[in-house]
Amino acid sequence: MKACLVYRDRLLPASEQAFMRRQYMAFSQLRPYWVGCHRDNPPADMATTLRIIGEGSMLGPLRRLAFKQMGWRAGHAVADLAPVVVHAQFGRGGALALPIARQLGLPLVVTFHGGDAFKDRHYQKRFPAPIFQRRWQALLDYSALFVCVSDGVRDKLLERGAPAHKLEVLSIGTEDVPPARGPFDRLVFAGRFVEKKGLPVLLDALRILAGWGITPPVVLAGDGPMRAAMEQQAQGVEHVCFAGWLSAGQLRQQLEHAVALVVPSVRAAGGDREGLPSVAAEAMMCGVPVVASSESGLDAAMLGGAGMVVPAGDAQALAQALAHILQSGVRGGMGQAARAVAREQLRAQVQSARLEQRLLSVL
């Protein structure tokens, strides 16, 4: 098999391990080798296909600094792997991997996930200019392809000046699992506690529901910089449980009993917004309906009857949608539609095979 370098600066945050690795699960002609600058508790089975630049050397930190800032000996660090293509994760990863691809004369493909396309600060001129900003034009010129996880990401990159012929939408898939069995008794949120996830809107909606006498158990799975503030805001809403960060198996257990997954995303002050929440694909594959905002990256056409879309930031509309889906007899049809859409459009095996073919096509 030919070697494909997969560049991700941090290898590999727990929050990314499942959806990152799924992208390569069906590869049959390319063997992924993970390359980055920081070891972030990667799974043990990645050991033989993982390369940390500068690791094992007393000069490691200096080598990493020189690699990042100047691309110093970028190709030399991985030339022994004899790669044929570089696939970088996230826009900044593309900027960091650019010297590797250039020095080895390899095609570069970059996957944009959301914030890397939407955050205005990445594209605003600053002094001193960060790496991504310094290399953005070169990245546009050199890259063979930008993979966009949603139509929204593609549209934003077009607005940022990316050539249309280099943009392709390819959603990240999820594993085909049996449908949830129930009993269905709770609402579930899963994600980082950051501004774009819209947790304050969800908590406001839950207070509105409580005022109507509707108090289903609500599981908030995740962690992040806003957690303390959200716990403070949730005081007095006794049916809300802050579950912390859950493993893939633990989250699956919650989805087994979910009436719906709630994705109340908003556009953050700096322009950041969702690309395509991977947890939504996982929920739909489980047959769990999704109640999402208009800033979630999930539009009504994609959901295909698998849930409901409400205006972003509108707690009243979100409460009304949740009240509707909590009614007896409503969930069943939506759950079946969710699973049908996921199996047709979002199966990891299919999406992974498509990604490999696109990588092969640029050789």
Protein backbone atom coordinates (compact mmCIF):
# COMPACT_ATOMS: atom_id res chain seq x y z
CA MET A 1 0.00 0.00 0.00
CA LYS A 2 1.12 3.54 -0.71
CA ALA A 3 1.64 5.91 2.21
CA CYS A 4 -0.69 8.84 2.86
CA LEU A 5 0.54 11.42 5.38
CA VAL A 6 -2.29 12.62 7.63
CA TYR A 7 -1.25 15.85 9.29
CA ARG A 8 -2.91 16.85 12.58
CA ASP A 9 -0.86 19.09 14.84
CA ARG A 10 -2.07 17.40 18.05
CA LEU A 11 -2.21 13.60 17.95
CA LEU A 12 -4.88 12.95 18.95
CA PRO A 13 -7.32 14.75 21.28
CA ALA A 14 -9.90 12.45 22.89
CA SER A 15 -12.71 14.52 21.41
CA GLU A 16 -11.41 13.80 17.89
CA GLN A 17 -10.24 10.20 18.05
CA ALA A 18 -13.44 8.56 16.85
CA PHE A 19 -14.41 10.83 13.96
CA MET A 20 -10.84 11.45 12.80
CA ARG A 21 -9.98 7.77 12.51
CA ARG A 22 -13.30 6.87 10.87
CA GLN A 23 -12.25 8.90 7.84
CA TYR A 24 -9.65 6.27 6.97
CA MET A 25 -11.40 3.07 8.03
CA ALA A 26 -12.19 1.88 4.48
CA PHE A 27 -8.84 2.73 2.88
CA SER A 28 -7.59 -0.17 0.79
CA GLN A 29 -4.92 1.42 -1.43
CA LEU A 30 -3.48 4.11 0.85
CA ARG A 31 -2.03 3.50 4.31
CA PRO A 32 -2.45 6.52 6.63
CA TYR A 33 0.58 7.67 8.64
CA TRP A 34 -0.29 10.28 11.26
CA VAL A 35 2.13 13.20 11.53
CA GLY A 36 2.10 16.09 13.98
CA CYS A 37 4.06 18.14 16.49
CA HIS A 38 2.40 17.23 19.78
CA ARG A 39 1.50 13.91 21.39
CA ASP A 40 -1.96 14.21 22.93
CA ASN A 41 -2.66 10.74 24.37
CA PRO A 42 -3.16 8.87 21.07
CA PRO A 43 -4.64 5.34 21.22
CA ALA A 44 -2.04 2.61 21.67
CA ASP A 45 -2.84 0.99 18.34
CA MET A 46 -1.68 4.13 16.50
CA ALA A 47 1.91 3.67 17.68
CA THR A 48 3.23 2.08 14.48
CA THR A 49 1.64 4.68 12.19
CA LEU A 50 2.40 7.83 14.16
CA ARG A 51 5.27 10.31 13.75
CA ILE A 52 5.85 13.24 16.14
CA ILE A 53 8.26 15.72 14.55
CA GLY A 54 11.38 16.16 16.66
CA GLU A 55 10.37 13.53 19.21
CA GLY A 56 13.25 11.70 20.88
CA SER A 57 15.73 14.51 20.28
CA MET A 58 17.13 16.95 22.82
CA LEU A 59 16.55 19.62 20.19
CA GLY A 60 12.97 18.46 19.62
CA PRO A 61 11.26 21.69 20.77
CA LEU A 62 13.57 23.80 18.61
CA ARG A 63 13.04 21.52 15.62
CA ARG A 64 9.28 21.78 16.01
CA LEU A 65 9.50 25.58 16.27
CA ALA A 66 11.68 25.78 13.16
CA PHE A 67 9.37 23.38 11.31
CA LYS A 68 6.24 25.38 12.16
CA GLN A 69 7.60 28.86 11.60
CA MET A 70 9.88 28.25 8.62
CA GLY A 71 9.10 24.75 7.33
CA TRP A 72 12.68 23.80 8.18
CA ARG A 73 13.48 20.25 7.03
CA ALA A 74 9.76 19.54 6.81
CA GLY A 75 10.11 16.93 4.10
CA HIS A 76 13.16 15.33 5.69
CA ALA A 77 11.14 14.49 8.82
CA VAL A 78 8.87 12.09 6.91
CA ALA A 79 10.70 11.27 3.66
CA ASP A 80 11.51 7.74 4.84
CA LEU A 81 7.78 6.91 4.77
CA ALA A 82 7.79 7.45 0.97
CA PRO A 83 4.38 9.15 0.96
CA VAL A 84 2.47 9.87 -2.24
CA VAL A 85 -0.04 12.41 -0.90
CA VAL A 86 -0.57 14.65 2.14
CA HIS A 87 -4.00 14.99 3.74
CA ALA A 88 -4.15 17.75 6.35
CA GLN A 89 -6.90 18.06 8.93
CA PHE A 90 -8.20 21.61 9.56
CA GLY A 91 -7.11 24.75 7.75
CA ARG A 92 -4.22 25.47 10.11
CA GLY A 93 -3.07 21.89 9.67
CA GLY A 94 -2.97 22.55 5.95
CA ALA A 95 -0.78 25.61 6.49
CA LEU A 96 1.62 23.58 8.67
CA ALA A 97 1.70 20.65 6.24
CA LEU A 98 2.27 22.87 3.20
CA PRO A 99 6.11 22.84 3.48
CA ILE A 100 6.06 19.03 3.75
CA ALA A 101 4.07 18.71 0.54
CA ARG A 102 6.16 21.31 -1.26
CA GLN A 103 9.54 19.89 -0.28
CA LEU A 104 8.53 16.36 -1.25
CA GLY A 105 6.67 17.46 -4.38
CA LEU A 106 3.41 15.87 -3.21
CA PRO A 107 -0.21 16.89 -3.76
CA LEU A 108 -1.89 18.43 -0.69
CA VAL A 109 -5.55 17.95 0.26
CA VAL A 110 -6.99 19.86 3.23
CA THR A 111 -10.22 19.08 5.09
CA PHE A 112 -11.99 22.11 6.60
CA HIS A 113 -14.31 21.29 9.50
CA GLY A 114 -16.06 24.53 10.47
CA GLY A 115 -14.28 26.96 12.75
CA ASP A 116 -11.25 26.91 10.45
CA ALA A 117 -13.46 28.36 7.71
CA PHE A 118 -15.81 30.52 9.79
CA LYS A 119 -13.64 32.22 12.44
CA ASP A 120 -12.95 35.73 11.22
CA ARG A 121 -9.76 36.09 13.27
CA HIS A 122 -8.04 33.46 11.13
CA TYR A 123 -8.40 35.70 8.09
CA GLN A 124 -8.05 39.21 9.56
CA LYS A 125 -4.66 40.82 9.04
CA ARG A 126 -2.67 41.02 12.27
CA PHE A 127 0.87 41.83 13.27
CA PRO A 128 2.76 39.68 13.70
CA ALA A 129 0.85 37.52 11.26
CA PRO A 130 0.17 33.95 12.48
CA ILE A 131 1.26 30.97 10.39
CA PHE A 132 -2.13 30.32 8.80
CA GLN A 133 -2.48 33.92 7.72
CA ARG A 134 1.04 34.05 6.27
CA ARG A 135 0.49 30.90 4.22
CA TRP A 136 -3.18 31.27 3.25
CA GLN A 137 -2.53 32.51 -0.30
CA ALA A 138 0.14 29.87 -0.85
CA LEU A 139 -2.28 27.24 0.46
CA LEU A 140 -4.90 28.39 -2.04
CA ASP A 141 -2.38 28.23 -4.87
CA TYR A 142 -0.69 24.92 -4.02
CA SER A 143 -3.45 22.69 -2.65
CA ALA A 144 -5.03 20.24 -5.05
CA LEU A 145 -8.33 20.05 -3.16
CA PHE A 146 -10.20 21.44 -0.18
CA VAL A 147 -12.63 18.92 1.31
CA CYS A 148 -15.55 20.68 3.04
CA VAL A 149 -17.62 18.80 5.63
CA SER A 150 -20.79 20.74 4.73
CA ASP A 151 -22.26 23.10 2.15
CA GLY A 152 -21.90 25.93 4.66
CA VAL A 153 -18.15 25.38 4.92
CA ARG A 154 -17.86 25.33 1.12
CA ASP A 155 -19.83 28.57 0.77
CA LYS A 156 -17.65 30.29 3.37
CA LEU A 157 -14.42 29.22 1.72
CA LEU A 158 -15.72 30.55 -1.59
CA GLU A 159 -16.32 33.85 0.18
CA ARG A 160 -12.75 33.69 1.54
CA GLY A 161 -11.37 33.45 -1.99
CA ALA A 162 -10.92 29.70 -2.47
CA PRO A 163 -11.32 28.61 -6.12
CA ALA A 164 -14.62 26.83 -6.71
CA HIS A 165 -12.96 24.02 -8.69
CA LYS A 166 -10.85 23.09 -5.66
CA LEU A 167 -13.82 22.74 -3.29
CA GLU A 168 -15.74 19.53 -2.72
CA VAL A 169 -18.31 18.68 -0.05
CA LEU A 170 -17.71 15.32 1.60
CA SER A 171 -19.35 14.77 4.97
CA ILE A 172 -17.64 12.71 7.64
CA GLY A 173 -19.51 9.46 8.12
CA THR A 174 -20.48 7.47 11.14
CA GLU A 175 -20.44 3.75 11.82
CA ASP A 176 -23.51 1.71 10.97
CA VAL A 177 -24.90 0.55 14.31
CA PRO A 178 -28.21 -1.03 15.34
CA PRO A 179 -31.04 1.40 16.10
CA ALA A 180 -31.60 2.57 19.66
CA ARG A 181 -33.95 0.32 21.63
CA GLY A 182 -35.21 2.65 24.34
CA PRO A 183 -37.14 3.23 26.47
CA PHE A 184 -36.89 6.82 25.26
CA ASP A 185 -37.06 9.18 28.19
CA ARG A 186 -34.46 11.96 27.84
CA LEU A 187 -33.06 14.79 25.74
CA VAL A 188 -29.33 14.69 25.00
CA PHE A 189 -26.81 17.39 24.15
CA ALA A 190 -23.19 16.45 23.38
CA GLY A 191 -20.32 18.77 22.54
CA ARG A 192 -17.74 21.20 23.83
CA PHE A 193 -19.00 23.93 26.14
CA VAL A 194 -18.09 26.82 23.87
CA GLU A 195 -20.07 29.77 22.52
CA LYS A 196 -21.04 28.34 19.13
CA LYS A 197 -22.71 25.30 20.71
CA GLY A 198 -25.57 27.50 21.98
CA LEU A 199 -25.94 26.01 25.46
CA PRO A 200 -27.40 29.20 27.00
CA VAL A 201 -30.23 29.02 24.46
CA LEU A 202 -30.93 25.41 25.39
CA LEU A 203 -31.01 26.20 29.10
CA ASP A 204 -33.43 29.08 28.46
CA ALA A 205 -35.62 26.72 26.42
CA LEU A 206 -35.62 24.17 29.24
CA ARG A 207 -36.83 26.84 31.68
CA ILE A 208 -39.65 27.67 29.26
CA LEU A 209 -40.56 23.98 29.04
CA ALA A 210 -40.54 23.72 32.83
CA GLY A 211 -42.96 26.63 32.95
CA TRP A 212 -45.27 24.54 30.77
CA GLY A 213 -44.93 21.62 33.15
CA ILE A 214 -42.62 19.65 30.82
CA THR A 215 -39.51 18.42 32.64
CA PRO A 216 -37.89 15.43 30.90
CA PRO A 217 -34.41 14.36 32.03
CA VAL A 218 -31.77 16.28 30.08
CA VAL A 219 -28.19 15.01 29.74
CA LEU A 220 -25.52 17.57 28.84
CA ALA A 221 -22.46 15.59 27.78
CA GLY A 222 -19.19 17.44 27.35
CA ASP A 223 -16.85 19.92 28.91
CA GLY A 224 -15.09 23.14 28.08
CA PRO A 225 -14.42 26.73 29.10
CA MET A 226 -18.11 27.61 29.57
CA ARG A 227 -18.98 24.72 31.86
CA ALA A 228 -18.86 26.64 35.16
CA ALA A 229 -21.02 29.42 33.69
CA MET A 230 -23.52 26.90 32.33
CA GLU A 231 -23.76 25.10 35.68
CA GLN A 232 -24.48 28.48 37.26
CA GLN A 233 -27.15 29.27 34.67
CA ALA A 234 -28.76 25.85 35.17
CA GLN A 235 -29.27 26.28 38.92
CA GLY A 236 -32.87 25.55 39.80
CA VAL A 237 -33.44 23.39 36.71
CA GLU A 238 -33.29 20.12 38.63
CA HIS A 239 -33.84 17.76 35.70
CA VAL A 240 -30.56 18.76 33.97
CA CYS A 241 -27.51 16.51 34.42
CA PHE A 242 -23.98 17.66 33.57
CA ALA A 243 -22.44 14.32 32.59
CA GLY A 244 -18.93 15.54 31.72
CA TRP A 245 -16.97 14.17 28.79
CA LEU A 246 -18.27 10.78 27.68
CA SER A 247 -16.48 8.08 25.73
CA ALA A 248 -18.03 6.91 22.46
CA GLY A 249 -19.53 3.91 24.25
CA GLN A 250 -20.95 6.02 27.07
CA LEU A 251 -22.49 8.47 24.63
CA ARG A 252 -24.02 5.58 22.73
CA GLN A 253 -25.66 4.44 25.99
CA GLN A 254 -27.25 7.87 26.36
CA LEU A 255 -28.47 7.88 22.76
CA GLU A 256 -30.06 4.45 23.38
CA HIS A 257 -32.65 6.29 25.50
CA ALA A 258 -32.83 9.66 23.76
CA VAL A 259 -36.08 11.12 22.55
CA ALA A 260 -33.94 13.56 20.58
CA LEU A 261 -30.47 15.00 20.24
CA VAL A 262 -30.50 18.78 20.69
CA VAL A 263 -28.07 20.87 18.60
CA PRO A 264 -28.83 24.52 19.55
CA SER A 265 -25.83 26.03 17.75
CA VAL A 266 -25.37 29.77 17.25
CA ARG A 267 -22.92 31.94 15.37
CA ALA A 268 -20.21 33.05 17.81
CA ALA A 269 -19.11 36.66 18.13
CA GLY A 270 -15.94 35.99 16.11
CA GLY A 271 -17.86 34.37 13.25
CA ASP A 272 -17.27 30.78 14.37
CA ARG A 273 -20.07 28.33 13.66
CA GLU A 274 -20.65 24.63 13.16
CA GLY A 275 -19.45 22.75 10.11
CA LEU A 276 -21.30 19.47 10.50
CA PRO A 277 -21.57 18.15 14.09
CA SER A 278 -20.37 14.54 13.99
CA VAL A 279 -22.58 13.70 16.98
CA ALA A 280 -25.64 14.50 14.84
CA ALA A 281 -24.62 11.86 12.31
CA GLU A 282 -24.06 9.36 15.13
CA ALA A 283 -27.47 10.08 16.62
CA MET A 284 -29.24 9.74 13.28
CA MET A 285 -27.57 6.40 12.65
CA CYS A 286 -28.97 5.28 16.02
CA GLY A 287 -32.43 6.34 14.87
CA VAL A 288 -32.49 9.38 17.16
CA PRO A 289 -34.24 12.50 15.79
CA VAL A 290 -32.35 15.78 15.83
CA VAL A 291 -33.70 19.15 16.93
CA ALA A 292 -31.23 21.64 15.49
CA SER A 293 -30.83 25.36 14.99
CA SER A 294 -30.39 27.06 11.63
CA GLU A 295 -26.69 27.58 12.48
CA SER A 296 -25.98 23.89 13.13
CA GLY A 297 -24.86 22.95 9.63
CA LEU A 298 -27.97 20.73 9.45
CA ASP A 299 -30.68 22.05 7.20
CA ALA A 300 -34.14 20.62 6.69
CA ALA A 301 -33.14 18.98 3.40
CA MET A 302 -30.31 17.06 5.03
CA LEU A 303 -32.44 15.96 7.95
CA GLY A 304 -35.05 14.66 5.50
CA GLY A 305 -37.82 14.43 8.10
CA ALA A 306 -35.36 13.19 10.71
CA GLY A 307 -35.97 16.11 13.05
CA MET A 308 -36.72 19.81 13.21
CA VAL A 309 -34.81 23.01 12.46
CA VAL A 310 -35.53 26.20 14.45
CA PRO A 311 -34.11 29.74 14.20
CA ALA A 312 -30.74 30.02 15.92
CA GLY A 313 -30.80 31.81 19.27
CA ASP A 314 -34.60 31.54 19.61
CA ALA A 315 -35.26 29.79 22.95
CA GLN A 316 -39.03 30.00 22.52
CA ALA A 317 -38.94 28.27 19.13
CA LEU A 318 -36.56 25.63 20.49
CA ALA A 319 -38.87 24.98 23.45
CA GLN A 320 -41.86 24.58 21.12
CA ALA A 321 -39.95 22.11 18.93
CA LEU A 322 -38.88 20.08 21.96
CA ALA A 323 -42.42 20.08 23.34
CA HIS A 324 -43.66 18.75 20.00
CA ILE A 325 -41.13 15.92 19.73
CA LEU A 326 -41.78 14.91 23.34
CA GLN A 327 -45.44 14.24 22.55
CA SER A 328 -46.45 10.60 22.42
CA GLY A 329 -46.24 9.09 18.94
CA VAL A 330 -44.10 11.83 17.37
CA ARG A 331 -40.64 10.38 17.86
CA GLY A 332 -41.17 7.07 16.05
CA GLY A 333 -41.53 8.35 12.49
CA MET A 334 -38.74 10.87 12.88
CA GLY A 335 -36.42 8.21 14.29
CA GLN A 336 -37.00 5.93 11.31
CA ALA A 337 -36.36 8.82 8.92
CA ALA A 338 -33.16 9.72 10.81
CA ARG A 339 -31.75 6.23 10.42
CA ALA A 340 -32.73 6.02 6.75
CA VAL A 341 -30.98 9.32 5.96
CA ALA A 342 -27.86 8.33 7.90
CA ARG A 343 -27.58 4.92 6.24
CA GLU A 344 -28.03 6.44 2.79
CA GLN A 345 -25.79 9.51 3.14
CA LEU A 346 -23.55 9.21 6.21
CA ARG A 347 -22.16 5.68 6.49
CA ALA A 348 -18.50 5.85 7.47
CA GLN A 349 -17.45 3.00 5.17
CA VAL A 350 -18.93 4.77 2.16
CA GLN A 351 -17.60 8.22 3.04
CA SER A 352 -14.15 6.85 3.83
CA ALA A 353 -13.97 5.04 0.49
CA ARG A 354 -15.00 8.24 -1.27
CA LEU A 355 -12.25 10.16 0.51
CA GLU A 356 -9.64 7.62 -0.55
CA GLN A 357 -10.74 7.84 -4.16
CA ARG A 358 -10.47 11.64 -4.08
CA LEU A 359 -6.98 11.43 -2.61
CA LEU A 360 -5.96 8.95 -5.29
CA SER A 361 -7.45 11.19 -7.97
CA VAL A 362 -4.99 14.01 -7.24
CA LEU A 363 -1.85 11.87 -7.56
